[in-house]
Protein backbone atom coordinates (compact mmCIF):
# COMPACT_ATOMS: atom_id res chain seq x y z
CA UNK A 1 -231.20 80.58 111.85
CA UNK A 2 -228.14 82.58 110.87
CA UNK A 3 -228.01 86.35 110.99
CA UNK A 4 -225.91 88.50 108.65
CA UNK A 5 -223.52 91.13 109.98
CA UNK A 6 -222.70 93.70 107.31
CA UNK A 7 -220.37 96.66 107.02
CA UNK A 8 -219.94 98.83 103.93
CA UNK A 9 -217.00 100.66 102.42
CA UNK A 10 -218.24 103.39 100.10
CA UNK A 11 -215.95 105.19 97.64
CA UNK A 12 -217.08 108.56 96.28
CA UNK A 13 -215.20 110.43 93.58
CA UNK A 14 -215.06 114.05 94.70
CA UNK A 15 -216.23 116.86 92.42
CA UNK A 16 -213.03 118.87 92.04
CA UNK A 17 -211.48 120.48 88.98
CA UNK A 18 -208.09 118.83 89.45
CA UNK A 19 -206.78 115.57 90.87
CA UNK A 20 -205.97 115.09 94.52
CA UNK A 21 -202.22 115.71 94.43
CA UNK A 22 -201.58 117.44 91.11
CA UNK A 23 -202.99 120.10 88.77
CA UNK A 24 -204.02 117.47 86.21
CA UNK A 25 -207.74 117.98 85.35
CA UNK A 26 -210.04 115.48 87.07
CA UNK A 27 -212.96 115.44 84.60
CA UNK A 28 -211.68 112.67 82.33
CA UNK A 29 -215.05 111.07 81.56
CA UNK A 30 -215.46 110.47 77.84
CA UNK A 31 -211.80 111.21 77.10
CA UNK A 32 -209.45 108.95 75.17
CA UNK A 33 -207.42 106.58 77.39
CA UNK A 34 -204.30 107.96 79.06
CA UNK A 35 -204.90 111.57 77.98
CA UNK A 36 -205.46 112.78 81.55
CA UNK A 37 -202.18 111.55 83.00
CA UNK A 38 -199.30 113.69 84.23
CA UNK A 39 -195.82 112.95 85.66
CA UNK A 40 -197.17 112.45 89.18
CA UNK A 41 -199.87 110.07 87.94
CA UNK A 42 -197.21 108.11 86.08
CA UNK A 43 -195.05 107.89 89.20
CA UNK A 44 -192.06 109.47 87.49
CA UNK A 45 -188.94 110.10 89.64
CA UNK A 46 -188.69 113.51 91.26
CA UNK A 47 -192.41 114.29 91.29
CA UNK A 48 -193.90 115.62 94.53
CA UNK A 49 -197.56 115.75 95.61
CA UNK A 50 -199.41 119.02 96.31
CA UNK A 51 -202.65 118.58 98.25
CA UNK A 52 -205.90 119.84 96.68
CA UNK A 53 -207.47 122.22 99.26
CA UNK A 54 -210.96 121.94 97.77
CA UNK A 55 -210.87 118.15 98.14
CA UNK A 56 -210.15 118.56 101.86
CA UNK A 57 -213.02 121.05 102.21
CA UNK A 58 -215.43 118.67 100.47
CA UNK A 59 -214.32 115.79 102.68
CA UNK A 60 -214.85 117.92 105.78
CA UNK A 61 -218.30 118.92 104.54
CA UNK A 62 -219.23 115.29 103.92
CA UNK A 63 -217.94 114.30 107.37
CA UNK A 64 -220.00 117.04 109.04
CA UNK A 65 -223.12 115.86 107.19
CA UNK A 66 -222.50 112.38 108.63
CA UNK A 67 -222.22 113.78 112.17
CA UNK A 68 -218.49 112.96 112.30
CA UNK A 69 -215.73 114.50 114.37
CA UNK A 70 -213.51 116.37 111.91
CA UNK A 71 -211.42 118.39 114.34
CA UNK A 72 -207.71 118.11 115.06
CA UNK A 73 -204.88 116.63 113.03
CA UNK A 74 -205.26 114.57 109.88
CA UNK A 75 -202.40 112.95 108.00
CA UNK A 76 -201.66 111.04 104.79
CA UNK A 77 -199.93 107.67 104.67
CA UNK A 78 -198.49 105.52 101.94
CA UNK A 79 -200.44 102.32 101.45
CA UNK A 80 -198.04 100.07 99.55
CA UNK A 81 -199.16 97.56 96.96
CA UNK A 82 -197.81 96.48 93.60
CA UNK A 83 -200.33 96.31 90.78
CA UNK A 84 -200.38 97.57 87.17
CA UNK A 85 -203.08 100.19 87.86
CA UNK A 86 -200.75 102.10 90.24
CA UNK A 87 -197.44 103.05 88.56
CA UNK A 88 -195.98 104.59 91.72
CA UNK A 89 -196.65 101.29 93.57
CA UNK A 90 -198.41 102.91 96.51
CA UNK A 91 -201.64 104.72 97.21
CA UNK A 92 -201.72 107.98 99.15
CA UNK A 93 -204.40 107.31 101.73
CA UNK A 94 -205.04 107.97 105.42
CA UNK A 95 -204.42 105.42 108.12
CA UNK A 96 -204.86 106.28 111.81
CA UNK A 97 -205.65 109.98 111.32
CA UNK A 98 -208.61 110.13 108.92
CA UNK A 99 -210.23 113.43 108.05
CA UNK A 100 -213.54 112.33 109.66
CA UNK A 101 -214.38 109.73 112.29
CA UNK A 102 -217.00 108.47 114.75
CA UNK A 103 -220.16 109.62 113.00
CA UNK A 104 -223.56 108.14 112.21
CA UNK A 105 -226.40 108.22 109.72
CA UNK A 106 -230.00 107.44 110.64
CA UNK A 107 -231.82 105.32 108.06
CA UNK A 108 -235.47 105.10 108.99
CA UNK A 109 -235.53 104.08 112.64
CA UNK A 110 -232.08 102.45 112.53
CA UNK A 111 -228.75 104.17 113.22
CA UNK A 112 -225.70 103.14 111.21
CA UNK A 113 -222.42 104.19 112.82
CA UNK A 114 -219.70 105.65 110.62
CA UNK A 115 -216.27 104.45 111.71
CA UNK A 116 -214.24 106.76 109.49
CA UNK A 117 -214.13 108.69 106.25
CA UNK A 118 -210.75 109.37 104.70
CA UNK A 119 -209.22 110.89 101.58
CA UNK A 120 -207.17 108.91 99.08
CA UNK A 121 -206.21 108.99 95.43
CA UNK A 122 -207.80 106.56 92.99
CA UNK A 123 -205.97 103.94 90.94
CA UNK A 124 -206.12 103.52 87.18
CA UNK A 125 -208.41 101.14 85.37
CA UNK A 126 -207.55 97.79 83.81
CA UNK A 127 -209.54 96.71 80.76
CA UNK A 128 -209.67 93.06 79.74
CA UNK A 129 -210.68 92.57 76.07
CA UNK A 130 -212.62 89.38 75.48
CA UNK A 131 -210.39 86.41 74.56
CA UNK A 132 -207.29 88.65 74.32
CA UNK A 133 -204.02 87.41 75.91
CA UNK A 134 -203.38 90.87 77.37
CA UNK A 135 -205.01 93.65 79.42
CA UNK A 136 -205.15 97.39 78.72
CA UNK A 137 -204.31 100.09 81.24
CA UNK A 138 -206.06 103.48 81.33
CA UNK A 139 -204.55 105.95 83.81
CA UNK A 140 -207.07 108.75 83.30
CA UNK A 141 -208.71 107.87 86.61
CA UNK A 142 -205.45 107.53 88.53
CA UNK A 143 -204.96 110.29 91.06
CA UNK A 144 -208.64 111.31 91.14
CA UNK A 145 -209.76 112.39 94.61
CA UNK A 146 -211.75 109.82 96.53
CA UNK A 147 -213.36 109.80 99.92
CA UNK A 148 -213.75 106.34 101.41
CA UNK A 149 -216.39 105.99 104.11
CA UNK A 150 -216.33 102.90 106.32
CA UNK A 151 -219.31 101.89 108.45
CA UNK A 152 -219.40 99.78 111.54
CA UNK A 153 -220.99 96.34 111.04
CA UNK A 154 -224.45 97.69 111.91
CA UNK A 155 -226.36 96.53 108.81
CA UNK A 156 -228.23 93.25 108.69
CA UNK A 157 -229.81 92.88 105.25
CA UNK A 158 -229.84 93.88 101.58
CA UNK A 159 -232.81 96.28 101.76
CA UNK A 160 -231.28 98.18 104.67
CA UNK A 161 -227.94 98.40 102.86
CA UNK A 162 -229.63 99.83 99.77
CA UNK A 163 -231.55 102.40 101.81
CA UNK A 164 -228.27 103.44 103.48
CA UNK A 165 -226.52 103.85 100.13
CA UNK A 166 -229.42 105.87 98.74
CA UNK A 167 -229.16 108.20 101.74
CA UNK A 168 -225.39 108.57 101.29
CA UNK A 169 -225.89 109.31 97.59
CA UNK A 170 -228.55 111.92 98.36
CA UNK A 171 -226.28 113.65 100.90
CA UNK A 172 -223.28 113.68 98.54
CA UNK A 173 -225.35 115.10 95.68
CA UNK A 174 -227.11 117.68 97.85
CA UNK A 175 -223.76 118.94 99.15
CA UNK A 176 -222.20 118.96 95.69
CA UNK A 177 -219.40 116.82 97.12
CA UNK A 178 -219.74 114.15 94.43
CA UNK A 179 -221.93 113.28 91.48
CA UNK A 180 -222.23 109.89 93.25
CA UNK A 181 -223.32 108.14 90.05
CA UNK A 182 -222.56 104.40 90.25
CA UNK A 183 -223.11 103.99 86.50
CA UNK A 184 -220.16 106.35 85.88
CA UNK A 185 -217.99 104.74 88.56
CA UNK A 186 -218.26 107.81 90.80
CA UNK A 187 -219.79 105.79 93.62
CA UNK A 188 -218.54 102.27 94.34
CA UNK A 189 -219.14 99.96 97.25
CA UNK A 190 -217.38 97.05 98.95
CA UNK A 191 -219.37 94.77 101.25
CA UNK A 192 -217.90 93.09 104.34
CA UNK A 193 -220.18 90.28 105.48
CA UNK A 194 -220.27 87.38 107.92
CA UNK A 195 -223.05 85.28 109.40
CA UNK A 196 -223.59 83.88 112.89
CA UNK A 197 -226.30 82.49 115.08
CA UNK A 198 -227.78 85.06 117.49
CA UNK A 199 -225.94 84.92 120.80
CA UNK A 200 -222.82 83.37 119.28
CA UNK A 201 -219.58 85.13 118.21
CA UNK A 202 -219.48 86.69 114.76
CA UNK A 203 -218.31 84.46 111.94
CA UNK A 204 -215.43 84.90 109.52
CA UNK A 205 -216.05 87.84 107.21
CA UNK A 206 -215.46 88.08 103.49
CA UNK A 207 -215.18 91.21 101.37
CA UNK A 208 -217.08 91.57 98.08
CA UNK A 209 -215.25 94.20 96.01
CA UNK A 210 -216.20 96.97 93.61
CA UNK A 211 -219.97 96.72 93.39
CA UNK A 212 -221.09 99.46 91.04
CA UNK A 213 -224.87 99.52 91.47
CA UNK A 214 -227.28 99.41 94.38
CA UNK A 215 -228.95 96.39 92.79
CA UNK A 216 -225.62 94.55 92.73
CA UNK A 217 -225.10 95.34 96.43
CA UNK A 218 -228.51 93.89 97.27
CA UNK A 219 -227.97 90.77 95.18
CA UNK A 220 -224.43 90.19 96.46
CA UNK A 221 -225.53 90.46 100.10
CA UNK A 222 -228.44 88.07 99.56
CA UNK A 223 -226.27 85.56 97.71
CA UNK A 224 -223.32 85.67 100.11
CA UNK A 225 -225.60 85.36 103.16
CA UNK A 226 -227.18 82.25 101.66
CA UNK A 227 -223.79 80.82 100.58
CA UNK A 228 -222.14 81.17 103.98
CA UNK A 229 -225.23 79.70 105.64
CA UNK A 230 -225.02 76.64 103.37
CA UNK A 231 -221.31 76.21 104.10
CA UNK A 232 -221.82 76.32 107.88
CA UNK A 233 -224.89 74.08 107.80
CA UNK A 234 -222.82 71.51 105.93
CA UNK A 235 -220.13 71.62 108.63
CA UNK A 236 -217.69 73.61 106.51
CA UNK A 237 -215.59 76.68 107.30
CA UNK A 238 -215.89 80.14 105.77
CA UNK A 239 -212.47 81.47 104.74
CA UNK A 240 -211.49 85.14 104.86
CA UNK A 241 -211.27 85.91 101.15
CA UNK A 242 -211.65 88.88 98.84
CA UNK A 243 -214.48 88.10 96.44
CA UNK A 244 -215.67 89.50 93.15
CA UNK A 245 -219.28 89.67 91.97
CA UNK A 246 -220.44 88.04 88.74
CA UNK A 247 -223.46 90.15 87.77
CA UNK A 248 -224.52 87.87 84.93
CA UNK A 249 -224.22 84.68 86.96
CA UNK A 250 -225.56 86.25 90.13
CA UNK A 251 -222.80 84.80 92.32
CA UNK A 252 -219.54 85.67 94.09
CA UNK A 253 -216.14 84.24 93.17
CA UNK A 254 -212.76 84.21 94.92
CA UNK A 255 -210.30 86.87 93.72
CA UNK A 256 -207.53 86.49 96.30
CA UNK A 257 -206.84 85.69 99.92
CA UNK A 258 -207.65 88.68 102.09
CA UNK A 259 -204.70 90.93 102.87
CA UNK A 260 -203.98 91.98 106.42
CA UNK A 261 -203.16 95.48 107.56
CA UNK A 262 -199.45 94.63 107.84
CA UNK A 263 -199.35 93.66 104.15
CA UNK A 264 -199.82 97.30 103.15
CA UNK A 265 -196.84 98.53 105.25
CA UNK A 266 -198.41 101.88 106.05
CA UNK A 267 -196.04 104.72 106.90
CA UNK A 268 -196.53 108.52 107.02
CA UNK A 269 -196.17 110.29 103.67
CA UNK A 270 -192.88 112.19 103.96
CA UNK A 271 -193.75 114.77 101.29
CA UNK A 272 -197.03 115.98 102.86
CA UNK A 273 -197.21 117.57 106.32
CA UNK A 274 -200.11 116.79 108.69
CA UNK A 275 -203.08 119.18 108.58
CA UNK A 276 -204.55 120.88 111.65
CA UNK A 277 -208.32 121.19 111.13
CA UNK A 278 -209.09 124.23 113.28
CA UNK A 279 -212.51 125.39 114.55
CA UNK A 280 -212.27 128.37 112.17
CA UNK A 281 -211.71 126.06 109.20
CA UNK A 282 -214.68 123.90 110.24
CA UNK A 283 -216.89 127.00 110.60
CA UNK A 284 -216.01 128.15 107.07
CA UNK A 285 -216.89 124.74 105.65
CA UNK A 286 -220.11 124.49 107.65
CA UNK A 287 -221.20 127.90 106.34
CA UNK A 288 -221.04 126.49 102.78
CA UNK A 289 -223.35 123.57 103.52
CA UNK A 290 -226.83 123.64 101.96
CA UNK A 291 -229.94 122.08 103.48
CA UNK A 292 -229.47 118.33 103.87
CA UNK A 293 -232.01 115.76 102.58
CA UNK A 294 -233.17 114.81 106.11
CA UNK A 295 -233.98 118.44 106.97
CA UNK A 296 -235.65 118.92 103.60
CA UNK A 297 -237.79 115.84 104.17
CA UNK A 298 -238.94 117.13 107.55
CA UNK A 299 -239.82 120.49 106.00
CA UNK A 300 -241.94 118.79 103.34
CA UNK A 301 -243.69 116.62 105.92
CA UNK A 302 -244.49 119.72 107.99
CA UNK A 303 -246.02 121.29 104.88
CA UNK A 304 -248.43 118.35 104.57
CA UNK A 305 -246.67 116.26 101.91
CA UNK A 306 -247.10 112.49 102.18
CA UNK A 307 -244.11 110.63 103.61
CA UNK A 308 -243.28 108.66 100.45
CA UNK A 309 -243.46 111.80 98.31
CA UNK A 310 -241.38 113.80 100.80
CA UNK A 311 -238.72 111.06 100.69
CA UNK A 312 -238.63 111.05 96.89
CA UNK A 313 -238.43 114.83 96.62
CA UNK A 314 -235.79 115.27 99.30
CA UNK A 315 -233.47 112.65 97.79
CA UNK A 316 -233.33 114.21 94.31
CA UNK A 317 -231.42 117.50 94.07
CA UNK A 318 -232.89 118.69 90.76
CA UNK A 319 -236.41 117.62 91.71
CA UNK A 320 -236.33 119.30 95.13
CA UNK A 321 -234.87 122.50 93.68
CA UNK A 322 -237.69 122.66 91.12
CA UNK A 323 -240.32 121.79 93.75
CA UNK A 324 -239.09 124.46 96.17
CA UNK A 325 -239.22 127.07 93.41
CA UNK A 326 -242.76 125.98 92.49
CA UNK A 327 -243.86 126.07 96.14
CA UNK A 328 -243.18 129.80 96.21
CA UNK A 329 -245.94 130.13 93.61
CA UNK A 330 -248.58 129.45 96.25
CA UNK A 331 -249.82 126.03 95.10
CA UNK A 332 -250.98 123.36 97.55
CA UNK A 333 -247.83 121.37 98.53
CA UNK A 334 -249.33 117.89 98.17
CA UNK A 335 -251.21 118.64 94.96
CA UNK A 336 -248.05 120.16 93.52
CA UNK A 337 -246.11 117.03 94.52
CA UNK A 338 -248.78 114.84 92.89
CA UNK A 339 -248.45 116.64 89.57
CA UNK A 340 -244.66 116.73 89.64
CA UNK A 341 -244.15 113.09 90.64
CA UNK A 342 -246.97 111.61 88.57
CA UNK A 343 -248.21 113.59 85.56
CA UNK A 344 -245.01 115.53 84.83
CA UNK A 345 -242.80 112.48 85.50
CA UNK A 346 -244.96 110.34 83.24
CA UNK A 347 -244.85 112.82 80.37
CA UNK A 348 -241.08 113.24 80.74
CA UNK A 349 -240.63 109.46 80.67
CA UNK A 350 -242.75 109.23 77.51
CA UNK A 351 -240.53 111.87 75.90
CA UNK A 352 -237.39 110.16 77.25
CA UNK A 353 -236.08 113.37 78.75
CA UNK A 354 -235.04 114.71 82.15
CA UNK A 355 -236.77 117.54 83.98
CA UNK A 356 -233.71 119.75 83.50
CA UNK A 357 -233.92 119.23 79.73
CA UNK A 358 -237.53 120.42 79.50
CA UNK A 359 -238.75 124.03 79.27
CA UNK A 360 -241.12 123.58 82.20
CA UNK A 361 -241.04 126.55 84.56
CA UNK A 362 -241.74 126.08 88.30
CA UNK A 363 -244.08 129.09 88.29
CA UNK A 364 -246.06 127.61 85.38
CA UNK A 365 -246.64 124.27 87.12
CA UNK A 366 -247.71 126.12 90.29
CA UNK A 367 -250.08 128.24 88.21
CA UNK A 368 -251.58 125.14 86.60
CA UNK A 369 -252.30 123.58 90.02
CA UNK A 370 -253.79 126.86 91.26
CA UNK A 371 -256.10 127.09 88.24
CA UNK A 372 -257.58 123.72 89.20
CA UNK A 373 -257.91 124.65 92.88
CA UNK A 374 -259.59 127.94 92.03
CA UNK A 375 -262.11 126.16 89.82
CA UNK A 376 -260.95 128.01 86.70
CA UNK A 377 -260.24 124.79 84.80
CA UNK A 378 -260.95 121.12 85.38
CA UNK A 379 -258.36 118.45 86.03
CA UNK A 380 -258.97 117.05 82.55
CA UNK A 381 -258.23 120.37 80.90
CA UNK A 382 -255.11 120.71 83.02
CA UNK A 383 -253.87 117.31 81.79
CA UNK A 384 -254.59 118.38 78.20
CA UNK A 385 -252.59 121.57 78.72
CA UNK A 386 -249.63 119.89 80.40
CA UNK A 387 -247.67 119.04 77.19
CA UNK A 388 -247.75 122.73 76.20
CA UNK A 389 -246.86 123.82 79.74
CA UNK A 390 -243.93 121.38 79.63
CA UNK A 391 -242.78 123.18 76.50
CA UNK A 392 -242.61 126.46 78.41
CA UNK A 393 -246.06 127.97 77.82
CA UNK A 394 -247.91 129.90 80.55
CA UNK A 395 -251.08 127.95 81.47
CA UNK A 396 -253.00 131.10 82.38
CA UNK A 397 -252.41 132.55 78.93
CA UNK A 398 -253.33 129.25 77.27
CA UNK A 399 -256.63 129.16 79.16
CA UNK A 400 -257.46 132.71 78.10
CA UNK A 401 -256.42 132.26 74.46
CA UNK A 402 -258.32 128.98 74.04
CA UNK A 403 -261.38 129.89 76.09
CA UNK A 404 -260.97 126.97 78.42
CA UNK A 405 -262.48 128.48 81.56
CA UNK A 406 -264.72 126.05 83.45
CA UNK A 407 -268.40 126.19 82.54
CA UNK A 408 -270.56 126.85 85.61
CA UNK A 409 -273.63 128.07 83.73
CA UNK A 410 -276.33 125.66 84.93
CA UNK A 411 -278.44 126.38 81.83
CA UNK A 412 -275.75 125.06 79.50
CA UNK A 413 -275.03 122.12 81.79
CA UNK A 414 -278.75 121.25 82.09
CA UNK A 415 -279.03 121.24 78.30
CA UNK A 416 -276.16 118.80 78.03
CA UNK A 417 -277.71 116.60 80.76
CA UNK A 418 -281.09 116.55 78.98
CA UNK A 419 -279.38 115.47 75.76
CA UNK A 420 -277.48 112.70 77.55
CA UNK A 421 -280.64 111.41 79.27
CA UNK A 422 -282.56 111.38 75.98
CA UNK A 423 -279.73 109.48 74.28
CA UNK A 424 -279.54 106.82 77.01
CA UNK A 425 -283.01 106.15 78.48
CA UNK A 426 -281.97 102.68 79.70
CA UNK A 427 -279.44 104.19 82.11
CA UNK A 428 -282.03 106.72 83.29
CA UNK A 429 -284.39 103.87 84.15
CA UNK A 430 -281.63 102.01 86.03
CA UNK A 431 -280.94 105.06 88.15
CA UNK A 432 -284.59 105.67 88.91
CA UNK A 433 -284.99 101.98 89.76
CA UNK A 434 -282.50 102.40 92.57
CA UNK A 435 -279.07 101.91 90.94
CA UNK A 436 -277.51 105.29 91.82
CA UNK A 437 -274.07 104.26 90.58
CA UNK A 438 -275.42 103.99 87.04
CA UNK A 439 -275.48 107.79 86.99
CA UNK A 440 -271.76 107.68 86.18
CA UNK A 441 -272.64 106.44 82.68
CA UNK A 442 -274.30 109.81 82.05
CA UNK A 443 -271.52 111.90 83.58
CA UNK A 444 -269.01 111.16 80.80
CA UNK A 445 -271.26 112.20 77.89
CA UNK A 446 -272.17 115.45 79.69
CA UNK A 447 -268.50 116.32 80.22
CA UNK A 448 -267.78 115.46 76.59
CA UNK A 449 -270.63 117.64 75.38
CA UNK A 450 -269.23 120.59 77.32
CA UNK A 451 -265.70 120.02 75.98
CA UNK A 452 -264.50 118.93 79.41
CA UNK A 453 -265.00 122.49 80.66
CA UNK A 454 -268.02 121.92 82.87
CA UNK A 455 -267.29 121.96 86.57
CA UNK A 456 -267.57 118.31 87.68
CA UNK A 457 -269.19 119.18 91.02
CA UNK A 458 -271.92 121.20 89.28
CA UNK A 459 -272.52 118.43 86.72
CA UNK A 460 -273.00 115.82 89.45
CA UNK A 461 -275.27 118.11 91.43
CA UNK A 462 -277.49 118.86 88.39
CA UNK A 463 -277.54 115.17 87.38
CA UNK A 464 -278.80 114.16 90.82
CA UNK A 465 -281.45 116.83 90.67
CA UNK A 466 -282.60 115.81 87.18
CA UNK A 467 -282.75 112.15 88.15
CA UNK A 468 -284.55 112.79 91.41
CA UNK A 469 -281.77 111.46 93.65
């Protein structure tokens, strides 16, 4: 039995107004090709880089969230390679003095060590039109600020890798460091993977490049683990290659032979001085940090929210912000979570809209849950009101205007029960013959007769009394 050894390299595009080394705007998404390029991006002679201070602050914040050491000197290096997507023929990255190092992130009960996180500028993007004898180059992305985070080889399977990436995404979004949206290319992942038998030395690793969805990461890990196992079982040798991922075919393919460190000819960037990250600088960055997903999850658990719901809420910035605002309205935490994650989510999905695009107010959802808890309305009435509440209406006012207060008058409920029993004598006989569950067939008609406003507990109590149970 072979065991996979997996390390990840995660690239996050930082949320800054300008690119990493120039004043060129960084928000190029949706723009025409090559309209967000400046002389530095184009690698024109005489251009000099100027470091984006906000990018450094965001990288420090991200490193602190990953329990990294961010103190001391950090420095930029030139990483040399010749490719059409990099006109200046080198990437400004960090080599032996990254901005963050030696951290960790706990995923469930497992700890994944973070080797380093460093800043670098992004390359452009090559487009390959189908059947065309040429490629197109878009340099809008070139120079965008990236942070690359490299883990130790502590992961062992696709599900664990996905959970790790989801945690990284949640942290980046909670901090406002990055949008971390794989579908927009703002979060990309490379997988380093080898297999070996337990107790034996690690095998030869391969790198699967530029995976742009968590599903692709899972599938690539599963495929490559199985492929290397087949090669070794057949007596073959795994070669150290850089691989691509064919999403449609569900398989890896060789892109090139893996480069070594010496191939990049790293040397210190002569036009940028080293930075001294002082304790005062770290304190200023730490003071900007909001509550992290792990702390938020623990707070929800302490409030009595189920673990799965606490995980979902804490990993979604917009959802947790709405939930926290609604919590201040005094509703039961778990019941509020139930409505937000089930009924509200279902209605939003049916309308094909996001929570932020609706007119739903946190105070209104809290009020709706309280109205049920206080016995003012039934759960059915609350579900009927939800579409209007989602459109921004106050549920308390709706209840008053429509006369939807729960009926507790036993006289009115008894009359509805008598009518239901007269209309269905067969069910009455079943109940009196010993089939107590048959009483449920009478409950629905009684609730319908009272417009869904009768208090369910009172209806059941009066039904049992009428039927002699």
